[in-house]
């Protein structure tokens, strides 16, 4: 399955989510592509929207290849292969770099849109796709710690093994789980980078709703 862009994928996800009987839901987008998705889904469902922060721990010389991820609580999730790809000192330094990015984004984004409380709420956790699952697992852990009443992970595309892991901890809605998964961007015809300025603009709209 291929998607024209994030907006089309988000509308398709919203169509499935409408059948789940969600109430008073908070739609959380993972910056930056997931925020574009959350914006569309929240409008389609009539819910509240917010962000949740996590960062990929990238491999040496290939930052897009995830060795794991870290969430804004500082919890680290490493893939089993991480120690074969990078040594401990690199991984520790990379975690520090990504935590600094999280702190900076939190400062910038929260100045625009204060955090939405999640306790007792139904939450839809959104990204534009899952590759290794590291970032989503780290994010899901942070969200569950806030004791929502229900969590639904919603993504357009993800590898089957990542979907299976996540389903042990939350409901999962995915439009496609190809067994020969390549990379998230391979399933979109138009998959541009999302800038911090775009995210800030979306947060400003949410803040006045």
C-alpha atoms as a PDB file:
ATOM      1  CA  UNK A   1       0.000   0.000   0.000  1.00  0.00           C
ATOM      2  CA  UNK A   2       1.245   3.477  -0.909  1.00  0.00           C
ATOM      3  CA  UNK A   3       0.090   6.846   0.427  1.00  0.00           C
ATOM      4  CA  UNK A   4       0.086  10.131  -1.459  1.00  0.00           C
ATOM      5  CA  UNK A   5       1.351  12.011   1.603  1.00  0.00           C
ATOM      6  CA  UNK A   6       0.983  12.209   5.388  1.00  0.00           C
ATOM      7  CA  UNK A   7      -2.375  13.976   5.148  1.00  0.00           C
ATOM      8  CA  UNK A   8      -3.930  11.220   3.044  1.00  0.00           C
ATOM      9  CA  UNK A   9      -2.541   8.528   5.335  1.00  0.00           C
ATOM     10  CA  UNK A  10      -3.902  10.394   8.371  1.00  0.00           C
ATOM     11  CA  UNK A  11      -7.383  10.621   6.861  1.00  0.00           C
ATOM     12  CA  UNK A  12      -7.355   6.875   6.189  1.00  0.00           C
ATOM     13  CA  UNK A  13      -6.275   6.187   9.767  1.00  0.00           C
ATOM     14  CA  UNK A  14      -8.987   8.493  11.075  1.00  0.00           C
ATOM     15  CA  UNK A  15     -11.555   6.488   9.141  1.00  0.00           C
ATOM     16  CA  UNK A  16     -10.522   3.334  11.013  1.00  0.00           C
ATOM     17  CA  UNK A  17     -10.230   5.088  14.362  1.00  0.00           C
ATOM     18  CA  UNK A  18     -13.795   6.398  14.095  1.00  0.00           C
ATOM     19  CA  UNK A  19     -15.006   2.829  14.511  1.00  0.00           C
ATOM     20  CA  UNK A  20     -13.259   2.293  17.862  1.00  0.00           C
ATOM     21  CA  UNK A  21     -15.713   4.235  20.020  1.00  0.00           C
ATOM     22  CA  UNK A  22     -13.130   6.650  21.387  1.00  0.00           C
ATOM     23  CA  UNK A  23     -14.299   9.365  23.775  1.00  0.00           C
ATOM     24  CA  UNK A  24     -12.574  12.550  24.988  1.00  0.00           C
ATOM     25  CA  UNK A  25      -9.472  11.348  23.187  1.00  0.00           C
ATOM     26  CA  UNK A  26      -6.126  13.115  23.100  1.00  0.00           C
ATOM     27  CA  UNK A  27      -4.295  12.628  19.807  1.00  0.00           C
ATOM     28  CA  UNK A  28      -0.546  12.704  20.441  1.00  0.00           C
ATOM     29  CA  UNK A  29       1.848  13.243  17.541  1.00  0.00           C
ATOM     30  CA  UNK A  30       5.542  12.345  17.683  1.00  0.00           C
ATOM     31  CA  UNK A  31       7.540  15.229  16.159  1.00  0.00           C
ATOM     32  CA  UNK A  32       7.964  15.929  13.560  1.00  0.00           C
ATOM     33  CA  UNK A  33       6.033  13.934  10.932  1.00  0.00           C
ATOM     34  CA  UNK A  34       3.637  12.534  13.503  1.00  0.00           C
ATOM     35  CA  UNK A  35       2.490  16.044  14.399  1.00  0.00           C
ATOM     36  CA  UNK A  36       1.226  16.580  10.849  1.00  0.00           C
ATOM     37  CA  UNK A  37      -0.658  13.283  11.156  1.00  0.00           C
ATOM     38  CA  UNK A  38      -2.083  14.152  14.585  1.00  0.00           C
ATOM     39  CA  UNK A  39      -3.329  17.500  13.290  1.00  0.00           C
ATOM     40  CA  UNK A  40      -5.448  15.806  10.618  1.00  0.00           C
ATOM     41  CA  UNK A  41      -6.657  12.969  12.865  1.00  0.00           C
ATOM     42  CA  UNK A  42      -7.674  15.277  15.717  1.00  0.00           C
ATOM     43  CA  UNK A  43      -9.723  17.386  13.316  1.00  0.00           C
ATOM     44  CA  UNK A  44     -11.365  14.290  11.826  1.00  0.00           C
ATOM     45  CA  UNK A  45     -12.180  12.785  15.236  1.00  0.00           C
ATOM     46  CA  UNK A  46     -12.970  16.021  17.012  1.00  0.00           C
ATOM     47  CA  UNK A  47     -10.387  15.346  19.715  1.00  0.00           C
ATOM     48  CA  UNK A  48      -7.734  17.358  21.502  1.00  0.00           C
ATOM     49  CA  UNK A  49      -4.205  17.260  20.044  1.00  0.00           C
ATOM     50  CA  UNK A  50      -0.771  17.452  21.641  1.00  0.00           C
ATOM     51  CA  UNK A  51       2.786  16.204  21.151  1.00  0.00           C
ATOM     52  CA  UNK A  52       4.910  13.627  22.931  1.00  0.00           C
ATOM     53  CA  UNK A  53       8.686  13.703  22.656  1.00  0.00           C
ATOM     54  CA  UNK A  54      11.132  10.885  21.959  1.00  0.00           C
ATOM     55  CA  UNK A  55      14.268  10.609  19.853  1.00  0.00           C
ATOM     56  CA  UNK A  56      15.942   7.875  17.900  1.00  0.00           C
ATOM     57  CA  UNK A  57      19.412   6.781  19.057  1.00  0.00           C
ATOM     58  CA  UNK A  58      21.185   6.673  15.705  1.00  0.00           C
ATOM     59  CA  UNK A  59      24.038   4.454  14.555  1.00  0.00           C
ATOM     60  CA  UNK A  60      27.576   5.767  13.883  1.00  0.00           C
ATOM     61  CA  UNK A  61      27.702   7.302  10.418  1.00  0.00           C
ATOM     62  CA  UNK A  62      24.035   6.449   9.791  1.00  0.00           C
ATOM     63  CA  UNK A  63      21.782   8.444  12.141  1.00  0.00           C
ATOM     64  CA  UNK A  64      18.611   7.144  10.483  1.00  0.00           C
ATOM     65  CA  UNK A  65      19.458   3.573  11.507  1.00  0.00           C
ATOM     66  CA  UNK A  66      18.008   3.218  14.989  1.00  0.00           C
ATOM     67  CA  UNK A  67      20.006   1.487  17.694  1.00  0.00           C
ATOM     68  CA  UNK A  68      17.161   2.375  20.026  1.00  0.00           C
ATOM     69  CA  UNK A  69      15.397   5.445  21.356  1.00  0.00           C
ATOM     70  CA  UNK A  70      15.066   7.661  24.423  1.00  0.00           C
ATOM     71  CA  UNK A  71      11.926   9.354  25.734  1.00  0.00           C
ATOM     72  CA  UNK A  72      11.556  12.666  27.539  1.00  0.00           C
ATOM     73  CA  UNK A  73      11.666  10.905  30.902  1.00  0.00           C
ATOM     74  CA  UNK A  74      15.198   9.755  30.030  1.00  0.00           C
ATOM     75  CA  UNK A  75      14.198   6.096  29.630  1.00  0.00           C
ATOM     76  CA  UNK A  76      16.348   4.330  27.035  1.00  0.00           C
ATOM     77  CA  UNK A  77      15.273   1.428  24.814  1.00  0.00           C
ATOM     78  CA  UNK A  78      18.052  -0.277  22.863  1.00  0.00           C
ATOM     79  CA  UNK A  79      17.664  -2.894  20.153  1.00  0.00           C
ATOM     80  CA  UNK A  80      19.412  -6.253  20.774  1.00  0.00           C
ATOM     81  CA  UNK A  81      21.885  -5.508  17.989  1.00  0.00           C
ATOM     82  CA  UNK A  82      22.958  -2.097  19.358  1.00  0.00           C
ATOM     83  CA  UNK A  83      26.106  -3.372  21.094  1.00  0.00           C
ATOM     84  CA  UNK A  84      27.241  -5.048  17.872  1.00  0.00           C
ATOM     85  CA  UNK A  85      26.968  -1.792  15.925  1.00  0.00           C
ATOM     86  CA  UNK A  86      28.403   0.711  18.404  1.00  0.00           C
ATOM     87  CA  UNK A  87      30.434   0.640  21.598  1.00  0.00           C
ATOM     88  CA  UNK A  88      29.153   1.742  24.984  1.00  0.00           C
ATOM     89  CA  UNK A  89      30.859   5.140  24.926  1.00  0.00           C
ATOM     90  CA  UNK A  90      29.285   6.033  21.567  1.00  0.00           C
ATOM     91  CA  UNK A  91      25.834   4.927  22.693  1.00  0.00           C
ATOM     92  CA  UNK A  92      26.105   6.912  25.936  1.00  0.00           C
ATOM     93  CA  UNK A  93      27.201  10.042  24.055  1.00  0.00           C
ATOM     94  CA  UNK A  94      24.446   9.614  21.451  1.00  0.00           C
ATOM     95  CA  UNK A  95      21.815   9.268  24.173  1.00  0.00           C
ATOM     96  CA  UNK A  96      23.124  12.509  25.697  1.00  0.00           C
ATOM     97  CA  UNK A  97      22.892  14.272  22.326  1.00  0.00           C
ATOM     98  CA  UNK A  98      19.321  13.123  21.777  1.00  0.00           C
ATOM     99  CA  UNK A  99      18.263  14.110  25.293  1.00  0.00           C
ATOM    100  CA  UNK A 100      19.589  17.581  24.568  1.00  0.00           C
ATOM    101  CA  UNK A 101      17.428  17.730  21.426  1.00  0.00           C
ATOM    102  CA  UNK A 102      14.412  16.632  23.497  1.00  0.00           C
ATOM    103  CA  UNK A 103      15.073  19.320  26.117  1.00  0.00           C
ATOM    104  CA  UNK A 104      15.403  22.006  23.441  1.00  0.00           C
ATOM    105  CA  UNK A 105      12.242  20.904  21.647  1.00  0.00           C
ATOM    106  CA  UNK A 106      10.341  20.734  24.917  1.00  0.00           C
ATOM    107  CA  UNK A 107      11.417  24.293  25.737  1.00  0.00           C
ATOM    108  CA  UNK A 108      10.429  25.557  22.277  1.00  0.00           C
ATOM    109  CA  UNK A 109       7.200  23.625  21.815  1.00  0.00           C
ATOM    110  CA  UNK A 110       5.832  23.961  25.342  1.00  0.00           C
ATOM    111  CA  UNK A 111       6.213  27.710  25.169  1.00  0.00           C
ATOM    112  CA  UNK A 112       3.536  27.527  22.458  1.00  0.00           C
ATOM    113  CA  UNK A 113       1.311  24.659  23.611  1.00  0.00           C
ATOM    114  CA  UNK A 114       1.228  23.609  27.295  1.00  0.00           C
ATOM    115  CA  UNK A 115       1.111  19.886  27.953  1.00  0.00           C
ATOM    116  CA  UNK A 116      -2.291  18.183  27.885  1.00  0.00           C
ATOM    117  CA  UNK A 117      -2.935  15.944  30.939  1.00  0.00           C
ATOM    118  CA  UNK A 118      -3.390  12.276  30.024  1.00  0.00           C
ATOM    119  CA  UNK A 119      -4.462  10.603  33.266  1.00  0.00           C
ATOM    120  CA  UNK A 120      -7.811   8.873  32.813  1.00  0.00           C
ATOM    121  CA  UNK A 121      -8.022   9.955  29.158  1.00  0.00           C
ATOM    122  CA  UNK A 122      -8.207   7.894  25.983  1.00  0.00           C
ATOM    123  CA  UNK A 123      -5.049   8.467  23.937  1.00  0.00           C
ATOM    124  CA  UNK A 124      -4.271   7.954  20.260  1.00  0.00           C
ATOM    125  CA  UNK A 125      -0.503   7.858  19.749  1.00  0.00           C
ATOM    126  CA  UNK A 126       0.402   8.744  16.164  1.00  0.00           C
ATOM    127  CA  UNK A 127       3.437   8.692  13.916  1.00  0.00           C
ATOM    128  CA  UNK A 128       3.872   8.617  10.134  1.00  0.00           C
ATOM    129  CA  UNK A 129       5.233   5.079  10.306  1.00  0.00           C
ATOM    130  CA  UNK A 130       7.319   2.645  12.315  1.00  0.00           C
ATOM    131  CA  UNK A 131      10.656   1.151  11.274  1.00  0.00           C
ATOM    132  CA  UNK A 132      12.377  -0.655  14.162  1.00  0.00           C
ATOM    133  CA  UNK A 133       9.691   0.373  16.655  1.00  0.00           C
ATOM    134  CA  UNK A 134      12.225   1.863  19.073  1.00  0.00           C
ATOM    135  CA  UNK A 135      10.836   5.394  19.093  1.00  0.00           C
ATOM    136  CA  UNK A 136       7.245   4.251  19.424  1.00  0.00           C
ATOM    137  CA  UNK A 137       8.122   1.862  22.263  1.00  0.00           C
ATOM    138  CA  UNK A 138       9.951   4.628  24.136  1.00  0.00           C
ATOM    139  CA  UNK A 139       7.065   7.014  23.575  1.00  0.00           C
ATOM    140  CA  UNK A 140       4.460   4.456  24.589  1.00  0.00           C
ATOM    141  CA  UNK A 141       6.276   3.854  27.878  1.00  0.00           C
ATOM    142  CA  UNK A 142       6.192   7.574  28.698  1.00  0.00           C
ATOM    143  CA  UNK A 143       2.496   7.785  27.820  1.00  0.00           C
ATOM    144  CA  UNK A 144       1.526   4.709  29.869  1.00  0.00           C
ATOM    145  CA  UNK A 145       3.325   6.176  32.891  1.00  0.00           C
ATOM    146  CA  UNK A 146       0.716   8.964  32.915  1.00  0.00           C
ATOM    147  CA  UNK A 147      -2.067   6.385  33.481  1.00  0.00           C
ATOM    148  CA  UNK A 148      -4.404   7.009  30.548  1.00  0.00           C
ATOM    149  CA  UNK A 149      -7.540   4.864  30.484  1.00  0.00           C
ATOM    150  CA  UNK A 150      -6.823   3.573  26.967  1.00  0.00           C
ATOM    151  CA  UNK A 151      -4.012   3.864  24.429  1.00  0.00           C
ATOM    152  CA  UNK A 152      -4.281   3.211  20.697  1.00  0.00           C
ATOM    153  CA  UNK A 153      -1.102   3.319  18.603  1.00  0.00           C
ATOM    154  CA  UNK A 154      -2.028   4.463  15.082  1.00  0.00           C
ATOM    155  CA  UNK A 155       0.409   4.382  12.156  1.00  0.00           C
ATOM    156  CA  UNK A 156      -0.026   3.966   8.394  1.00  0.00           C
ATOM    157  CA  UNK A 157       2.757   1.413   7.944  1.00  0.00           C
ATOM    158  CA  UNK A 158       4.969  -0.770  10.136  1.00  0.00           C
ATOM    159  CA  UNK A 159       6.824  -4.099   9.962  1.00  0.00           C
ATOM    160  CA  UNK A 160       4.829  -7.034  11.377  1.00  0.00           C
ATOM    161  CA  UNK A 161       7.334  -7.780  14.160  1.00  0.00           C
ATOM    162  CA  UNK A 162       7.097  -4.204  15.504  1.00  0.00           C
ATOM    163  CA  UNK A 163       3.287  -4.373  15.417  1.00  0.00           C
ATOM    164  CA  UNK A 164       3.363  -7.655  17.354  1.00  0.00           C
ATOM    165  CA  UNK A 165       5.597  -6.175  20.087  1.00  0.00           C
ATOM    166  CA  UNK A 166       3.455  -3.074  20.473  1.00  0.00           C
ATOM    167  CA  UNK A 167       0.237  -5.120  20.650  1.00  0.00           C
ATOM    168  CA  UNK A 168       1.534  -6.658  23.860  1.00  0.00           C
ATOM    169  CA  UNK A 169       1.200  -3.234  25.481  1.00  0.00           C
ATOM    170  CA  UNK A 170      -1.526  -1.314  23.615  1.00  0.00           C
ATOM    171  CA  UNK A 171      -4.113  -1.460  20.876  1.00  0.00           C
ATOM    172  CA  UNK A 172      -2.536  -0.983  17.448  1.00  0.00           C
ATOM    173  CA  UNK A 173      -4.128   0.309  14.247  1.00  0.00           C
ATOM    174  CA  UNK A 174      -2.010   0.061  11.116  1.00  0.00           C
ATOM    175  CA  UNK A 175      -3.118   0.280   7.500  1.00  0.00           C
ATOM    176  CA  UNK A 176      -0.254  -1.837   6.175  1.00  0.00           C
ATOM    177  CA  UNK A 177       2.254  -4.259   7.709  1.00  0.00           C
ATOM    178  CA  UNK A 178       4.310  -5.530   4.768  1.00  0.00           C
ATOM    179  CA  UNK A 179       6.489  -8.567   5.569  1.00  0.00           C
ATOM    180  CA  UNK A 180       9.179  -7.162   3.252  1.00  0.00           C
ATOM    181  CA  UNK A 181       9.163  -3.755   4.960  1.00  0.00           C
ATOM    182  CA  UNK A 182      11.878  -1.417   3.614  1.00  0.00           C
ATOM    183  CA  UNK A 183      11.648   2.070   5.169  1.00  0.00           C
ATOM    184  CA  UNK A 184       8.777   4.351   6.128  1.00  0.00           C
ATOM    185  CA  UNK A 185       9.385   6.831   3.319  1.00  0.00           C
ATOM    186  CA  UNK A 186       9.237   4.063   0.696  1.00  0.00           C
ATOM    187  CA  UNK A 187       5.473   3.806   1.235  1.00  0.00           C
ATOM    188  CA  UNK A 188       4.764   7.473   0.470  1.00  0.00           C
ATOM    189  CA  UNK A 189       4.802   9.156  -2.924  1.00  0.00           C
ATOM    190  CA  UNK A 190       5.450  12.507  -1.233  1.00  0.00           C
ATOM    191  CA  UNK A 191       7.377  12.383   2.050  1.00  0.00           C
ATOM    192  CA  UNK A 192       9.079  15.739   2.674  1.00  0.00           C
ATOM    193  CA  UNK A 193      10.962  16.620   5.840  1.00  0.00           C
ATOM    194  CA  UNK A 194       8.811  18.454   8.370  1.00  0.00           C
ATOM    195  CA  UNK A 195      10.459  21.558   9.831  1.00  0.00           C
ATOM    196  CA  UNK A 196      10.354  22.862  13.389  1.00  0.00           C
ATOM    197  CA  UNK A 197       8.575  25.926  12.007  1.00  0.00           C
ATOM    198  CA  UNK A 198       5.767  23.731  10.649  1.00  0.00           C
ATOM    199  CA  UNK A 199       5.424  21.957  13.995  1.00  0.00           C
ATOM    200  CA  UNK A 200       5.355  25.276  15.858  1.00  0.00           C
ATOM    201  CA  UNK A 201       2.673  26.579  13.484  1.00  0.00           C
ATOM    202  CA  UNK A 202       0.490  23.523  14.137  1.00  0.00           C
ATOM    203  CA  UNK A 203       0.993  23.882  17.906  1.00  0.00           C
ATOM    204  CA  UNK A 204      -0.059  27.527  17.698  1.00  0.00           C
ATOM    205  CA  UNK A 205      -3.313  26.501  16.049  1.00  0.00           C
ATOM    206  CA  UNK A 206      -3.915  23.866  18.723  1.00  0.00           C
ATOM    207  CA  UNK A 207      -3.202  26.363  21.492  1.00  0.00           C
ATOM    208  CA  UNK A 208      -6.066  28.657  20.474  1.00  0.00           C
ATOM    209  CA  UNK A 209      -8.674  25.933  19.919  1.00  0.00           C
END
